[in-house]
Amino acid sequence: MTGHYILTEADVRGNGRFDDAIGLCNSPVDVHEPGGSRAIMDHVGIGYGIPWRTLVPLDVDNILVAGRCISVDAIAFGSTRNVPARTMTGEATAIAAAMIRRPSGLSGD
């Protein structure tokens, strides 16, 4: 999924900060090469922000994504695929969904 922003390796390794960050993550970059012949395990320092824009698909309306589906490059995915980032993005999308006003006429209004 491509979002309104793609979180990159430079953002993750450079402690990226964003005005629309939903929180900070400092999970290490953990990438396993297919076939198991090489792996990357690097710390990310003090952590990086995950922008809201990575949860909003670019060409699809009325949907948010969370967890492993957010908009990131391959190296950033090595950090965001872990539980802390998945939890953070899940909470952010759940809160956003709860804040959206339901159309009138639905039960519970």
PDB file of N, CA and C in Angstrom:
ATOM      1  N   MET A   1       0.852  -1.166   0.000  1.00  0.00           N
ATOM      2  CA  MET A   1       0.000   0.000   0.000  1.00  0.00           C
ATOM      3  C   MET A   1       0.895   1.226   0.000  1.00  0.00           C
ATOM      4  N   THR A   2       0.601   2.134  -0.863  1.00  0.00           N
ATOM      5  CA  THR A   2       1.322   3.400  -0.886  1.00  0.00           C
ATOM      6  C   THR A   2       0.456   4.453  -0.223  1.00  0.00           C
ATOM      7  N   GLY A   3       1.017   5.092   0.789  1.00  0.00           N
ATOM      8  CA  GLY A   3       0.290   6.120   1.510  1.00  0.00           C
ATOM      9  C   GLY A   3       0.671   7.508   1.045  1.00  0.00           C
ATOM     10  N   HIS A   4       0.128   8.486   1.736  1.00  0.00           N
ATOM     11  CA  HIS A   4       0.453   9.876   1.431  1.00  0.00           C
ATOM     12  C   HIS A   4       1.891  10.202   1.788  1.00  0.00           C
ATOM     13  N   TYR A   5       2.539   9.313   2.521  1.00  0.00           N
ATOM     14  CA  TYR A   5       3.968   9.429   2.802  1.00  0.00           C
ATOM     15  C   TYR A   5       4.533   8.023   2.917  1.00  0.00           C
ATOM     16  N   ILE A   6       5.744   7.826   2.428  1.00  0.00           N
ATOM     17  CA  ILE A   6       6.434   6.547   2.567  1.00  0.00           C
ATOM     18  C   ILE A   6       7.559   6.746   3.569  1.00  0.00           C
ATOM     19  N   LEU A   7       7.456   6.077   4.714  1.00  0.00           N
ATOM     20  CA  LEU A   7       8.511   6.134   5.720  1.00  0.00           C
ATOM     21  C   LEU A   7       9.728   5.412   5.166  1.00  0.00           C
ATOM     22  N   THR A   8      10.898   6.031   5.249  1.00  0.00           N
ATOM     23  CA  THR A   8      12.090   5.497   4.601  1.00  0.00           C
ATOM     24  C   THR A   8      13.163   5.063   5.599  1.00  0.00           C
ATOM     25  N   GLU A   9      14.141   4.367   5.065  1.00  0.00           N
ATOM     26  CA  GLU A   9      15.305   3.986   5.858  1.00  0.00           C
ATOM     27  C   GLU A   9      15.963   5.219   6.470  1.00  0.00           C
ATOM     28  N   ALA A  10      16.075   6.300   5.697  1.00  0.00           N
ATOM     29  CA  ALA A  10      16.678   7.533   6.210  1.00  0.00           C
ATOM     30  C   ALA A  10      15.886   8.085   7.387  1.00  0.00           C
ATOM     31  N   ASP A  11      14.565   8.011   7.338  1.00  0.00           N
ATOM     32  CA  ASP A  11      13.725   8.477   8.446  1.00  0.00           C
ATOM     33  C   ASP A  11      13.984   7.644   9.702  1.00  0.00           C
ATOM     34  N   VAL A  12      14.024   6.332   9.523  1.00  0.00           N
ATOM     35  CA  VAL A  12      14.185   5.416  10.653  1.00  0.00           C
ATOM     36  C   VAL A  12      15.568   5.544  11.273  1.00  0.00           C
ATOM     37  N   ARG A  13      16.595   5.525  10.445  1.00  0.00           N
ATOM     38  CA  ARG A  13      17.978   5.597  10.954  1.00  0.00           C
ATOM     39  C   ARG A  13      18.349   7.007  11.405  1.00  0.00           C
ATOM     40  N   GLY A  14      17.644   8.025  10.875  1.00  0.00           N
ATOM     41  CA  GLY A  14      17.959   9.414  11.192  1.00  0.00           C
ATOM     42  C   GLY A  14      17.072  10.028  12.252  1.00  0.00           C
ATOM     43  N   ASN A  15      16.349   9.182  13.005  1.00  0.00           N
ATOM     44  CA  ASN A  15      15.478   9.680  14.077  1.00  0.00           C
ATOM     45  C   ASN A  15      14.477  10.711  13.562  1.00  0.00           C
ATOM     46  N   GLY A  16      13.849  10.419  12.423  1.00  0.00           N
ATOM     47  CA  GLY A  16      12.914  11.337  11.777  1.00  0.00           C
ATOM     48  C   GLY A  16      11.798  11.801  12.706  1.00  0.00           C
ATOM     49  N   ARG A  17      11.472  13.063  12.593  1.00  0.00           N
ATOM     50  CA  ARG A  17      10.381  13.671  13.353  1.00  0.00           C
ATOM     51  C   ARG A  17       9.395  14.289  12.374  1.00  0.00           C
ATOM     52  N   PHE A  18       8.109  14.175  12.691  1.00  0.00           N
ATOM     53  CA  PHE A  18       7.057  14.635  11.792  1.00  0.00           C
ATOM     54  C   PHE A  18       5.989  15.350  12.589  1.00  0.00           C
ATOM     55  N   ASP A  19       5.441  16.426  12.015  1.00  0.00           N
ATOM     56  CA  ASP A  19       4.370  17.177  12.681  1.00  0.00           C
ATOM     57  C   ASP A  19       3.125  16.328  12.901  1.00  0.00           C
ATOM     58  N   ASP A  20       2.904  15.329  12.041  1.00  0.00           N
ATOM     59  CA  ASP A  20       1.712  14.499  12.155  1.00  0.00           C
ATOM     60  C   ASP A  20       2.014  13.113  12.730  1.00  0.00           C
ATOM     61  N   ALA A  21       3.113  12.989  13.478  1.00  0.00           N
ATOM     62  CA  ALA A  21       3.487  11.685  14.047  1.00  0.00           C
ATOM     63  C   ALA A  21       2.432  11.202  15.042  1.00  0.00           C
ATOM     64  N   ILE A  22       2.124   9.919  14.969  1.00  0.00           N
ATOM     65  CA  ILE A  22       1.177   9.315  15.910  1.00  0.00           C
ATOM     66  C   ILE A  22       1.899   8.808  17.150  1.00  0.00           C
ATOM     67  N   GLY A  23       3.204   8.761  17.098  1.00  0.00           N
ATOM     68  CA  GLY A  23       4.017   8.300  18.217  1.00  0.00           C
ATOM     69  C   GLY A  23       5.430   8.040  17.756  1.00  0.00           C
ATOM     70  N   LEU A  24       6.272   7.615  18.698  1.00  0.00           N
ATOM     71  CA  LEU A  24       7.670   7.326  18.409  1.00  0.00           C
ATOM     72  C   LEU A  24       7.936   5.836  18.551  1.00  0.00           C
ATOM     73  N   CYS A  25       8.802   5.318  17.689  1.00  0.00           N
ATOM     74  CA  CYS A  25       9.165   3.906  17.720  1.00  0.00           C
ATOM     75  C   CYS A  25      10.682   3.784  17.730  1.00  0.00           C
ATOM     76  N   ASN A  26      11.204   2.859  18.503  1.00  0.00           N
ATOM     77  CA  ASN A  26      12.644   2.618  18.468  1.00  0.00           C
ATOM     78  C   ASN A  26      12.966   1.134  18.328  1.00  0.00           C
ATOM     79  N   SER A  27      12.067   0.380  17.697  1.00  0.00           N
ATOM     80  CA  SER A  27      12.355  -1.023  17.409  1.00  0.00           C
ATOM     81  C   SER A  27      13.523  -1.095  16.444  1.00  0.00           C
ATOM     82  N   PRO A  28      14.443  -2.019  16.650  1.00  0.00           N
ATOM     83  CA  PRO A  28      15.590  -2.121  15.744  1.00  0.00           C
ATOM     84  C   PRO A  28      15.164  -2.523  14.341  1.00  0.00           C
ATOM     85  N   VAL A  29      16.005  -2.186  13.374  1.00  0.00           N
ATOM     86  CA  VAL A  29      15.809  -2.654  12.006  1.00  0.00           C
ATOM     87  C   VAL A  29      16.241  -4.113  11.986  1.00  0.00           C
ATOM     88  N   ASP A  30      15.307  -4.975  11.650  1.00  0.00           N
ATOM     89  CA  ASP A  30      15.517  -6.419  11.680  1.00  0.00           C
ATOM     90  C   ASP A  30      15.073  -6.973  10.324  1.00  0.00           C
ATOM     91  N   VAL A  31      16.036  -7.186   9.419  1.00  0.00           N
ATOM     92  CA  VAL A  31      15.723  -7.629   8.066  1.00  0.00           C
ATOM     93  C   VAL A  31      16.421  -8.962   7.812  1.00  0.00           C
ATOM     94  N   HIS A  32      15.662  -9.924   7.348  1.00  0.00           N
ATOM     95  CA  HIS A  32      16.196 -11.240   7.010  1.00  0.00           C
ATOM     96  C   HIS A  32      16.133 -11.420   5.504  1.00  0.00           C
ATOM     97  N   GLU A  33      17.266 -11.707   4.894  1.00  0.00           N
ATOM     98  CA  GLU A  33      17.300 -11.932   3.454  1.00  0.00           C
ATOM     99  C   GLU A  33      16.658 -13.275   3.119  1.00  0.00           C
ATOM    100  N   PRO A  34      15.866 -13.317   2.060  1.00  0.00           N
ATOM    101  CA  PRO A  34      15.290 -14.611   1.665  1.00  0.00           C
ATOM    102  C   PRO A  34      16.403 -15.649   1.471  1.00  0.00           C
ATOM    103  N   GLY A  35      16.198 -16.830   1.958  1.00  0.00           N
ATOM    104  CA  GLY A  35      17.210 -17.875   1.881  1.00  0.00           C
ATOM    105  C   GLY A  35      18.089 -17.941   3.121  1.00  0.00           C
ATOM    106  N   GLY A  36      18.021 -16.907   3.954  1.00  0.00           N
ATOM    107  CA  GLY A  36      18.718 -16.925   5.228  1.00  0.00           C
ATOM    108  C   GLY A  36      20.219 -16.744   5.182  1.00  0.00           C
ATOM    109  N   SER A  37      20.760 -16.240   4.075  1.00  0.00           N
ATOM    110  CA  SER A  37      22.217 -16.106   3.998  1.00  0.00           C
ATOM    111  C   SER A  37      22.736 -14.794   4.584  1.00  0.00           C
ATOM    112  N   ARG A  38      21.868 -13.839   4.845  1.00  0.00           N
ATOM    113  CA  ARG A  38      22.295 -12.553   5.384  1.00  0.00           C
ATOM    114  C   ARG A  38      21.167 -11.947   6.204  1.00  0.00           C
ATOM    115  N   ALA A  39      21.532 -11.182   7.217  1.00  0.00           N
ATOM    116  CA  ALA A  39      20.529 -10.507   8.045  1.00  0.00           C
ATOM    117  C   ALA A  39      21.073  -9.161   8.498  1.00  0.00           C
ATOM    118  N   ILE A  40      20.163  -8.233   8.758  1.00  0.00           N
ATOM    119  CA  ILE A  40      20.513  -6.919   9.308  1.00  0.00           C
ATOM    120  C   ILE A  40      19.811  -6.798  10.657  1.00  0.00           C
ATOM    121  N   MET A  41      20.545  -6.399  11.673  1.00  0.00           N
ATOM    122  CA  MET A  41      19.953  -6.109  12.982  1.00  0.00           C
ATOM    123  C   MET A  41      20.669  -4.874  13.509  1.00  0.00           C
ATOM    124  N   ASP A  42      20.032  -3.720  13.334  1.00  0.00           N
ATOM    125  CA  ASP A  42      20.633  -2.446  13.730  1.00  0.00           C
ATOM    126  C   ASP A  42      19.703  -1.680  14.647  1.00  0.00           C
ATOM    127  N   HIS A  43      20.282  -1.055  15.669  1.00  0.00           N
ATOM    128  CA  HIS A  43      19.508  -0.169  16.532  1.00  0.00           C
ATOM    129  C   HIS A  43      19.207   1.119  15.783  1.00  0.00           C
ATOM    130  N   VAL A  44      18.158   1.809  16.182  1.00  0.00           N
ATOM    131  CA  VAL A  44      17.755   3.041  15.503  1.00  0.00           C
ATOM    132  C   VAL A  44      17.940   4.274  16.384  1.00  0.00           C
ATOM    133  N   GLY A  45      18.753   4.179  17.377  1.00  0.00           N
ATOM    134  CA  GLY A  45      19.007   5.344  18.227  1.00  0.00           C
ATOM    135  C   GLY A  45      17.818   5.659  19.113  1.00  0.00           C
ATOM    136  N   ILE A  46      17.505   6.944  19.220  1.00  0.00           N
ATOM    137  CA  ILE A  46      16.437   7.366  20.131  1.00  0.00           C
ATOM    138  C   ILE A  46      15.046   7.135  19.560  1.00  0.00           C
ATOM    139  N   GLY A  47      14.968   6.707  18.313  1.00  0.00           N
ATOM    140  CA  GLY A  47      13.677   6.398  17.710  1.00  0.00           C
ATOM    141  C   GLY A  47      13.246   7.422  16.689  1.00  0.00           C
ATOM    142  N   TYR A  48      12.153   7.111  16.028  1.00  0.00           N
ATOM    143  CA  TYR A  48      11.642   7.920  14.923  1.00  0.00           C
ATOM    144  C   TYR A  48      10.127   8.019  15.047  1.00  0.00           C
ATOM    145  N   GLY A  49       9.578   9.058  14.438  1.00  0.00           N
ATOM    146  CA  GLY A  49       8.133   9.222  14.422  1.00  0.00           C
ATOM    147  C   GLY A  49       7.504   8.446  13.281  1.00  0.00           C
ATOM    148  N   ILE A  50       6.282   8.002  13.498  1.00  0.00           N
ATOM    149  CA  ILE A  50       5.510   7.364  12.431  1.00  0.00           C
ATOM    150  C   ILE A  50       4.434   8.363  12.010  1.00  0.00           C
ATOM    151  N   PRO A  51       4.552   8.914  10.799  1.00  0.00           N
ATOM    152  CA  PRO A  51       3.586   9.922  10.364  1.00  0.00           C
ATOM    153  C   PRO A  51       2.194   9.339  10.108  1.00  0.00           C
ATOM    154  N   TRP A  52       1.188  10.102  10.463  1.00  0.00           N
ATOM    155  CA  TRP A  52      -0.196   9.738  10.186  1.00  0.00           C
ATOM    156  C   TRP A  52      -0.367   9.414   8.705  1.00  0.00           C
ATOM    157  N   ARG A  53       0.311  10.162   7.848  1.00  0.00           N
ATOM    158  CA  ARG A  53       0.179   9.995   6.394  1.00  0.00           C
ATOM    159  C   ARG A  53       0.550   8.595   5.919  1.00  0.00           C
ATOM    160  N   THR A  54       1.328   7.834   6.701  1.00  0.00           N
ATOM    161  CA  THR A  54       1.670   6.469   6.298  1.00  0.00           C
ATOM    162  C   THR A  54       0.498   5.514   6.500  1.00  0.00           C
ATOM    163  N   LEU A  55      -0.517   5.947   7.222  1.00  0.00           N
ATOM    164  CA  LEU A  55      -1.695   5.120   7.499  1.00  0.00           C
ATOM    165  C   LEU A  55      -2.852   5.408   6.545  1.00  0.00           C
ATOM    166  N   VAL A  56      -2.691   6.419   5.712  1.00  0.00           N
ATOM    167  CA  VAL A  56      -3.762   6.864   4.823  1.00  0.00           C
ATOM    168  C   VAL A  56      -3.387   6.523   3.376  1.00  0.00           C
ATOM    169  N   PRO A  57      -4.101   5.567   2.760  1.00  0.00           N
ATOM    170  CA  PRO A  57      -3.783   5.180   1.379  1.00  0.00           C
ATOM    171  C   PRO A  57      -3.912   6.363   0.422  1.00  0.00           C
ATOM    172  N   LEU A  58      -3.031   6.371  -0.550  1.00  0.00           N
ATOM    173  CA  LEU A  58      -2.976   7.476  -1.502  1.00  0.00           C
ATOM    174  C   LEU A  58      -4.184   7.520  -2.430  1.00  0.00           C
ATOM    175  N   ASP A  59      -4.594   6.395  -2.971  1.00  0.00           N
ATOM    176  CA  ASP A  59      -5.638   6.404  -3.998  1.00  0.00           C
ATOM    177  C   ASP A  59      -6.916   5.677  -3.595  1.00  0.00           C
ATOM    178  N   VAL A  60      -7.142   5.512  -2.305  1.00  0.00           N
ATOM    179  CA  VAL A  60      -8.340   4.829  -1.821  1.00  0.00           C
ATOM    180  C   VAL A  60      -8.993   5.712  -0.766  1.00  0.00           C
ATOM    181  N   ASP A  61     -10.289   5.932  -0.886  1.00  0.00           N
ATOM    182  CA  ASP A  61     -11.010   6.756   0.080  1.00  0.00           C
ATOM    183  C   ASP A  61     -11.636   5.892   1.173  1.00  0.00           C
ATOM    184  N   ASN A  62     -11.873   6.489   2.322  1.00  0.00           N
ATOM    185  CA  ASN A  62     -12.627   5.886   3.419  1.00  0.00           C
ATOM    186  C   ASN A  62     -12.001   4.615   3.987  1.00  0.00           C
ATOM    187  N   ILE A  63     -10.683   4.573   4.029  1.00  0.00           N
ATOM    188  CA  ILE A  63     -10.007   3.426   4.638  1.00  0.00           C
ATOM    189  C   ILE A  63      -8.709   3.906   5.275  1.00  0.00           C
ATOM    190  N   LEU A  64      -8.348   3.272   6.364  1.00  0.00           N
ATOM    191  CA  LEU A  64      -7.063   3.482   7.020  1.00  0.00           C
ATOM    192  C   LEU A  64      -6.389   2.126   7.125  1.00  0.00           C
ATOM    193  N   VAL A  65      -5.070   2.133   7.215  1.00  0.00           N
ATOM    194  CA  VAL A  65      -4.344   0.879   7.379  1.00  0.00           C
ATOM    195  C   VAL A  65      -3.496   0.943   8.639  1.00  0.00           C
ATOM    196  N   ALA A  66      -3.139  -0.217   9.152  1.00  0.00           N
ATOM    197  CA  ALA A  66      -2.320  -0.290  10.360  1.00  0.00           C
ATOM    198  C   ALA A  66      -1.428  -1.522  10.270  1.00  0.00           C
ATOM    199  N   GLY A  67      -0.518  -1.627  11.227  1.00  0.00           N
ATOM    200  CA  GLY A  67       0.331  -2.807  11.307  1.00  0.00           C
ATOM    201  C   GLY A  67       1.308  -2.911  10.161  1.00  0.00           C
ATOM    202  N   ARG A  68       1.413  -4.102   9.612  1.00  0.00           N
ATOM    203  CA  ARG A  68       2.374  -4.366   8.548  1.00  0.00           C
ATOM    204  C   ARG A  68       1.983  -3.760   7.213  1.00  0.00           C
ATOM    205  N   CYS A  69       0.804  -3.177   7.124  1.00  0.00           N
ATOM    206  CA  CYS A  69       0.309  -2.623   5.855  1.00  0.00           C
ATOM    207  C   CYS A  69       0.657  -1.163   5.648  1.00  0.00           C
ATOM    208  N   ILE A  70       1.265  -0.483   6.624  1.00  0.00           N
ATOM    209  CA  ILE A  70       1.510   0.949   6.468  1.00  0.00           C
ATOM    210  C   ILE A  70       2.533   1.199   5.370  1.00  0.00           C
ATOM    211  N   SER A  71       2.612   2.429   4.931  1.00  0.00           N
ATOM    212  CA  SER A  71       3.439   2.833   3.796  1.00  0.00           C
ATOM    213  C   SER A  71       4.884   3.066   4.223  1.00  0.00           C
ATOM    214  N   VAL A  72       5.743   2.069   3.942  1.00  0.00           N
ATOM    215  CA  VAL A  72       7.157   2.130   4.319  1.00  0.00           C
ATOM    216  C   VAL A  72       8.006   1.486   3.226  1.00  0.00           C
ATOM    217  N   ASP A  73       9.316   1.817   3.205  1.00  0.00           N
ATOM    218  CA  ASP A  73      10.199   1.102   2.285  1.00  0.00           C
ATOM    219  C   ASP A  73      10.689  -0.183   2.956  1.00  0.00           C
ATOM    220  N   ALA A  74      11.486  -0.970   2.245  1.00  0.00           N
ATOM    221  CA  ALA A  74      11.874  -2.304   2.711  1.00  0.00           C
ATOM    222  C   ALA A  74      12.663  -2.276   4.019  1.00  0.00           C
ATOM    223  N   ILE A  75      13.566  -1.337   4.186  1.00  0.00           N
ATOM    224  CA  ILE A  75      14.367  -1.283   5.413  1.00  0.00           C
ATOM    225  C   ILE A  75      13.532  -0.757   6.575  1.00  0.00           C
ATOM    226  N   ALA A  76      12.726   0.269   6.350  1.00  0.00           N
ATOM    227  CA  ALA A  76      11.848   0.777   7.411  1.00  0.00           C
ATOM    228  C   ALA A  76      10.894  -0.319   7.874  1.00  0.00           C
ATOM    229  N   PHE A  77      10.449  -1.169   6.949  1.00  0.00           N
ATOM    230  CA  PHE A  77       9.565  -2.285   7.295  1.00  0.00           C
ATOM    231  C   PHE A  77      10.237  -3.209   8.306  1.00  0.00           C
ATOM    232  N   GLY A  78      11.564  -3.311   8.247  1.00  0.00           N
ATOM    233  CA  GLY A  78      12.286  -4.142   9.204  1.00  0.00           C
ATOM    234  C   GLY A  78      12.122  -3.683  10.636  1.00  0.00           C
ATOM    235  N   SER A  79      11.709  -2.462  10.843  1.00  0.00           N
ATOM    236  CA  SER A  79      11.430  -1.951  12.186  1.00  0.00           C
ATOM    237  C   SER A  79       9.933  -1.871  12.457  1.00  0.00           C
ATOM    238  N   THR A  80       9.161  -1.372  11.488  1.00  0.00           N
ATOM    239  CA  THR A  80       7.733  -1.151  11.727  1.00  0.00           C
ATOM    240  C   THR A  80       6.915  -2.434  11.736  1.00  0.00           C
ATOM    241  N   ARG A  81       7.481  -3.540  11.279  1.00  0.00           N
ATOM    242  CA  ARG A  81       6.739  -4.810  11.281  1.00  0.00           C
ATOM    243  C   ARG A  81       6.666  -5.434  12.673  1.00  0.00           C
ATOM    244  N   ASN A  82       7.392  -4.872  13.609  1.00  0.00           N
ATOM    245  CA  ASN A  82       7.436  -5.409  14.968  1.00  0.00           C
ATOM    246  C   ASN A  82       6.269  -4.905  15.814  1.00  0.00           C
ATOM    247  N   VAL A  83       6.041  -5.573  16.936  1.00  0.00           N
ATOM    248  CA  VAL A  83       4.856  -5.332  17.771  1.00  0.00           C
ATOM    249  C   VAL A  83       4.677  -3.873  18.202  1.00  0.00           C
ATOM    250  N   PRO A  84       5.699  -3.153  18.667  1.00  0.00           N
ATOM    251  CA  PRO A  84       5.433  -1.782  19.121  1.00  0.00           C
ATOM    252  C   PRO A  84       4.814  -0.883  18.049  1.00  0.00           C
ATOM    253  N   ALA A  85       5.357  -0.906  16.846  1.00  0.00           N
ATOM    254  CA  ALA A  85       4.803  -0.067  15.772  1.00  0.00           C
ATOM    255  C   ALA A  85       3.430  -0.558  15.341  1.00  0.00           C
ATOM    256  N   ARG A  86       3.254  -1.865  15.287  1.00  0.00           N
ATOM    257  CA  ARG A  86       1.938  -2.400  14.898  1.00  0.00           C
ATOM    258  C   ARG A  86       0.874  -1.995  15.910  1.00  0.00           C
ATOM    259  N   THR A  87       1.210  -2.059  17.184  1.00  0.00           N
ATOM    260  CA  THR A  87       0.266  -1.661  18.230  1.00  0.00           C
ATOM    261  C   THR A  87      -0.066  -0.174  18.118  1.00  0.00           C
ATOM    262  N   MET A  88       0.969   0.638  17.931  1.00  0.00           N
ATOM    263  CA  MET A  88       0.785   2.089  17.845  1.00  0.00           C
ATOM    264  C   MET A  88      -0.099   2.461  16.656  1.00  0.00           C
ATOM    265  N   THR A  89       0.147   1.855  15.502  1.00  0.00           N
ATOM    266  CA  THR A  89      -0.655   2.191  14.325  1.00  0.00           C
ATOM    267  C   THR A  89      -2.078   1.664  14.463  1.00  0.00           C
ATOM    268  N   GLY A  90      -2.243   0.517  15.103  1.00  0.00           N
ATOM    269  CA  GLY A  90      -3.583  -0.015  15.346  1.00  0.00           C
ATOM    270  C   GLY A  90      -4.388   0.888  16.258  1.00  0.00           C
ATOM    271  N   GLU A  91      -3.756   1.380  17.316  1.00  0.00           N
ATOM    272  CA  GLU A  91      -4.449   2.296  18.226  1.00  0.00           C
ATOM    273  C   GLU A  91      -4.819   3.593  17.525  1.00  0.00           C
ATOM    274  N   ALA A  92      -3.909   4.124  16.708  1.00  0.00           N
ATOM    275  CA  ALA A  92      -4.176   5.390  16.015  1.00  0.00           C
ATOM    276  C   ALA A  92      -5.351   5.256  15.051  1.00  0.00           C
ATOM    277  N   THR A  93      -5.399   4.166  14.296  1.00  0.00           N
ATOM    278  CA  THR A  93      -6.510   4.003  13.348  1.00  0.00           C
ATOM    279  C   THR A  93      -7.817   3.732  14.080  1.00  0.00           C
ATOM    280  N   ALA A  94      -7.771   3.010  15.186  1.00  0.00           N
ATOM    281  CA  ALA A  94      -8.991   2.742  15.964  1.00  0.00           C
ATOM    282  C   ALA A  94      -9.550   4.034  16.556  1.00  0.00           C
ATOM    283  N   ILE A  95      -8.688   4.871  17.085  1.00  0.00           N
ATOM    284  CA  ILE A  95      -9.136   6.149  17.653  1.00  0.00           C
ATOM    285  C   ILE A  95      -9.724   7.029  16.557  1.00  0.00           C
ATOM    286  N   ALA A  96      -9.061   7.081  15.404  1.00  0.00           N
ATOM    287  CA  ALA A  96      -9.581   7.891  14.291  1.00  0.00           C
ATOM    288  C   ALA A  96     -10.956   7.392  13.853  1.00  0.00           C
ATOM    289  N   ALA A  97     -11.102   6.076  13.755  1.00  0.00           N
ATOM    290  CA  ALA A  97     -12.401   5.515  13.348  1.00  0.00           C
ATOM    291  C   ALA A  97     -13.483   5.848  14.368  1.00  0.00           C
ATOM    292  N   ALA A  98     -13.134   5.802  15.643  1.00  0.00           N
ATOM    293  CA  ALA A  98     -14.113   6.106  16.691  1.00  0.00           C
ATOM    294  C   ALA A  98     -14.506   7.579  16.683  1.00  0.00           C
ATOM    295  N   MET A  99     -13.621   8.440  16.216  1.00  0.00           N
ATOM    296  CA  MET A  99     -13.896   9.873  16.211  1.00  0.00           C
ATOM    297  C   MET A  99     -14.737  10.319  15.021  1.00  0.00           C
ATOM    298  N   ILE A 100     -14.830   9.470  14.000  1.00  0.00           N
ATOM    299  CA  ILE A 100     -15.607   9.833  12.815  1.00  0.00           C
ATOM    300  C   ILE A 100     -17.091   9.812  13.165  1.00  0.00           C
ATOM    301  N   ARG A 101     -17.776  10.863  12.815  1.00  0.00           N
ATOM    302  CA  ARG A 101     -19.204  10.955  13.109  1.00  0.00           C
ATOM    303  C   ARG A 101     -19.973  10.040  12.166  1.00  0.00           C
ATOM    304  N   ARG A 102     -20.859   9.252  12.737  1.00  0.00           N
ATOM    305  CA  ARG A 102     -21.701   8.367  11.935  1.00  0.00           C
ATOM    306  C   ARG A 102     -22.764   9.171  11.209  1.00  0.00           C
ATOM    307  N   PRO A 103     -23.106   8.760   9.994  1.00  0.00           N
ATOM    308  CA  PRO A 103     -24.188   9.449   9.280  1.00  0.00           C
ATOM    309  C   PRO A 103     -25.500   9.341  10.074  1.00  0.00           C
ATOM    310  N   SER A 104     -26.335  10.361   9.986  1.00  0.00           N
ATOM    311  CA  SER A 104     -27.619  10.325  10.705  1.00  0.00           C
ATOM    312  C   SER A 104     -28.475   9.194  10.169  1.00  0.00           C
ATOM    313  N   GLY A 105     -29.311   8.674  11.017  1.00  0.00           N
ATOM    314  CA  GLY A 105     -30.195   7.602  10.631  1.00  0.00           C
ATOM    315  C   GLY A 105     -29.678   6.228  11.026  1.00  0.00           C
ATOM    316  N   LEU A 106     -28.419   6.140  11.429  1.00  0.00           N
ATOM    317  CA  LEU A 106     -27.905   4.843  11.888  1.00  0.00           C
ATOM    318  C   LEU A 106     -28.311   4.627  13.331  1.00  0.00           C
ATOM    319  N   SER A 107     -28.479   3.383  13.705  1.00  0.00           N
ATOM    320  CA  SER A 107     -28.884   3.093  15.091  1.00  0.00           C
ATOM    321  C   SER A 107     -27.811   3.600  16.036  1.00  0.00           C
ATOM    322  N   GLY A 108     -28.232   4.034  17.182  1.00  0.00           N
ATOM    323  CA  GLY A 108     -27.312   4.546  18.204  1.00  0.00           C
ATOM    324  C   GLY A 108     -27.137   6.056  18.155  1.00  0.00           C
ATOM    325  N   ASP A 109     -27.801   6.764  17.202  1.00  0.00           N
ATOM    326  CA  ASP A 109     -27.683   8.227  17.134  1.00  0.00           C
ATOM    327  C   ASP A 109     -28.504   8.864  18.229  1.00  0.00           C
TER     328      ASP A 109
END
